[in-house]
């Protein structure tokens, strides 16, 4: 999930012991060592860990053409925050329904957002309540996921 990356790969040391051209066992084991991940933000109990292959990996595969990239989440977050801020303008005559109509026009591609991947993120945000959830959870990516219970991890999770 490009919008939830919370781990960075710490660059491993690469010291090949076998030569791929001459040694038949080359590739049977890893030539990398000290390969690990570091958290780039606070990870609370119940949150999943996400690492990225990079946006170029997704862009190179047609079957993932609808999957939003990191920049698309940033664009969606900015748009939702901007629309949300309209409600706090003093002496404004902008109604909740007018803000929701604006959001709807944006999602349908009539205004501002022309990127299909960003529209994919926004398609489930239809009301002020939906926008409030995005704001409360600190972004569109985090509003798409739920923290898991300890019981869920014991049943479905795995340690890597």
Protein backbone atom coordinates (compact mmCIF):
# COMPACT_ATOMS: atom_id res chain seq x y z
CA UNK A 1 0.00 0.00 0.00
CA UNK A 2 1.87 3.04 -1.29
CA UNK A 3 0.20 5.40 1.14
CA UNK A 4 1.05 3.48 4.30
CA UNK A 5 4.79 2.86 4.03
CA UNK A 6 6.05 2.74 7.59
CA UNK A 7 9.27 0.77 7.10
CA UNK A 8 12.46 1.63 5.27
CA UNK A 9 14.85 -0.99 3.96
CA UNK A 10 18.26 -0.54 5.51
CA UNK A 11 20.63 -1.17 2.65
CA UNK A 12 22.22 -4.54 3.08
CA UNK A 13 25.79 -5.43 2.44
CA UNK A 14 26.23 -7.41 -0.77
CA UNK A 15 29.23 -9.72 -0.86
CA UNK A 16 28.78 -12.55 -3.34
CA UNK A 17 30.67 -15.66 -2.36
CA UNK A 18 29.90 -17.54 -5.56
CA UNK A 19 30.25 -16.34 -9.14
CA UNK A 20 26.99 -16.60 -11.12
CA UNK A 21 28.90 -17.51 -14.30
CA UNK A 22 31.06 -20.27 -12.88
CA UNK A 23 29.54 -21.64 -9.67
CA UNK A 24 26.45 -23.88 -10.08
CA UNK A 25 25.32 -23.11 -6.50
CA UNK A 26 25.18 -19.34 -7.10
CA UNK A 27 21.74 -18.03 -6.20
CA UNK A 28 20.92 -20.98 -3.94
CA UNK A 29 21.49 -18.77 -0.93
CA UNK A 30 21.52 -15.04 -0.36
CA UNK A 31 24.65 -12.96 -0.86
CA UNK A 32 23.11 -10.20 1.23
CA UNK A 33 23.63 -9.77 4.93
CA UNK A 34 22.59 -7.19 7.50
CA UNK A 35 19.33 -6.87 5.61
CA UNK A 36 16.68 -5.39 7.88
CA UNK A 37 13.94 -2.79 8.10
CA UNK A 38 13.61 0.30 10.27
CA UNK A 39 10.39 2.03 11.17
CA UNK A 40 10.10 5.56 9.79
CA UNK A 41 7.27 6.47 12.16
CA UNK A 42 5.57 5.32 15.33
CA UNK A 43 3.94 1.93 14.82
CA UNK A 44 1.18 1.24 17.31
CA UNK A 45 -0.03 -2.16 18.43
CA UNK A 46 -2.40 -3.57 15.84
CA UNK A 47 -0.95 -1.65 12.90
CA UNK A 48 0.39 -3.56 9.95
CA UNK A 49 3.89 -3.06 8.62
CA UNK A 50 4.31 -1.84 5.04
CA UNK A 51 7.41 -1.64 2.88
CA UNK A 52 7.47 -0.53 -0.75
CA UNK A 53 8.81 -2.00 -3.94
CA UNK A 54 8.67 1.57 -5.27
CA UNK A 55 6.13 3.27 -7.48
CA UNK A 56 8.05 2.26 -10.60
CA UNK A 57 7.35 -1.41 -9.80
CA UNK A 58 3.58 -0.71 -9.87
CA UNK A 59 3.81 1.55 -12.93
CA UNK A 60 5.59 -1.17 -14.91
CA UNK A 61 2.72 -3.65 -14.48
CA UNK A 62 -0.54 -3.09 -16.34
CA UNK A 63 -2.54 -5.20 -13.88
CA UNK A 64 -1.81 -2.57 -11.21
CA UNK A 65 -2.79 0.49 -13.26
CA UNK A 66 -5.58 1.34 -10.80
CA UNK A 67 -3.42 1.03 -7.68
CA UNK A 68 -2.71 4.51 -6.27
CA UNK A 69 0.90 5.62 -5.91
CA UNK A 70 2.33 7.58 -2.97
CA UNK A 71 1.89 10.92 -4.78
CA UNK A 72 -1.78 10.12 -5.42
CA UNK A 73 -2.40 9.75 -1.69
CA UNK A 74 -0.69 13.10 -1.12
CA UNK A 75 -2.89 14.73 -3.76
CA UNK A 76 -6.05 13.18 -2.31
CA UNK A 77 -5.07 14.25 1.22
CA UNK A 78 -4.51 17.84 0.09
CA UNK A 79 -7.83 17.93 -1.71
CA UNK A 80 -9.81 16.54 1.24
CA UNK A 81 -8.06 18.92 3.67
CA UNK A 82 -8.83 21.86 1.38
CA UNK A 83 -12.50 20.95 1.09
CA UNK A 84 -12.68 20.28 4.84
CA UNK A 85 -11.23 23.72 5.57
CA UNK A 86 -14.08 25.39 3.64
CA UNK A 87 -16.42 24.60 6.50
CA UNK A 88 -14.41 26.71 8.92
CA UNK A 89 -14.36 29.96 6.94
CA UNK A 90 -15.97 32.67 9.07
CA UNK A 91 -19.17 34.23 7.74
CA UNK A 92 -19.19 31.74 4.88
CA UNK A 93 -22.37 30.85 3.09
CA UNK A 94 -20.91 27.54 1.88
CA UNK A 95 -23.21 24.76 3.02
CA UNK A 96 -22.27 21.18 3.84
CA UNK A 97 -24.16 19.99 0.77
CA UNK A 98 -22.25 22.47 -1.44
CA UNK A 99 -18.94 21.08 -0.14
CA UNK A 100 -20.15 17.52 -0.77
CA UNK A 101 -21.24 18.54 -4.29
CA UNK A 102 -17.76 19.96 -4.91
CA UNK A 103 -16.21 16.70 -3.73
CA UNK A 104 -18.53 14.76 -6.02
CA UNK A 105 -17.53 16.92 -9.00
CA UNK A 106 -13.87 16.34 -8.19
CA UNK A 107 -14.34 12.57 -7.95
CA UNK A 108 -16.15 12.43 -11.28
CA UNK A 109 -13.26 14.29 -12.88
CA UNK A 110 -15.20 17.44 -13.63
CA UNK A 111 -12.86 19.56 -11.51
CA UNK A 112 -9.18 19.54 -10.57
CA UNK A 113 -8.30 15.83 -10.39
CA UNK A 114 -7.60 14.21 -13.73
CA UNK A 115 -5.41 11.39 -12.42
CA UNK A 116 -7.26 8.09 -12.45
CA UNK A 117 -5.26 6.70 -9.53
CA UNK A 118 -6.17 9.70 -7.34
CA UNK A 119 -9.83 9.40 -8.31
CA UNK A 120 -9.65 5.75 -7.21
CA UNK A 121 -8.75 6.94 -3.69
CA UNK A 122 -11.49 9.56 -3.59
CA UNK A 123 -14.33 7.38 -4.90
CA UNK A 124 -15.39 6.21 -1.43
CA UNK A 125 -15.30 9.68 0.15
CA UNK A 126 -18.75 11.11 -0.45
CA UNK A 127 -19.88 12.98 2.64
CA UNK A 128 -18.58 15.33 5.30
CA UNK A 129 -18.54 12.34 7.66
CA UNK A 130 -16.21 10.52 5.24
CA UNK A 131 -13.97 13.60 5.04
CA UNK A 132 -13.94 13.88 8.83
CA UNK A 133 -12.72 10.27 9.07
CA UNK A 134 -9.87 11.08 6.67
CA UNK A 135 -8.90 14.11 8.78
CA UNK A 136 -9.15 12.19 12.08
CA UNK A 137 -7.06 9.28 10.80
CA UNK A 138 -4.42 11.60 9.35
CA UNK A 139 -4.94 10.93 5.65
CA UNK A 140 -6.76 8.97 3.00
CA UNK A 141 -4.44 5.97 3.23
CA UNK A 142 -4.94 5.51 6.96
CA UNK A 143 -8.70 5.99 6.63
CA UNK A 144 -8.80 2.89 4.40
CA UNK A 145 -7.41 0.55 7.03
CA UNK A 146 -8.38 -0.60 10.49
CA UNK A 147 -6.05 -1.53 13.32
CA UNK A 148 -6.09 -5.27 13.90
CA UNK A 149 -6.72 -6.94 17.22
CA UNK A 150 -4.18 -9.13 18.98
CA UNK A 151 -6.53 -12.07 18.35
CA UNK A 152 -6.54 -11.33 14.61
CA UNK A 153 -2.73 -11.34 14.51
CA UNK A 154 -2.56 -14.57 16.49
CA UNK A 155 -4.90 -16.22 13.97
CA UNK A 156 -3.80 -14.61 10.68
CA UNK A 157 -0.50 -12.82 11.18
CA UNK A 158 3.00 -14.07 10.77
CA UNK A 159 6.37 -12.97 11.96
CA UNK A 160 8.86 -12.35 9.22
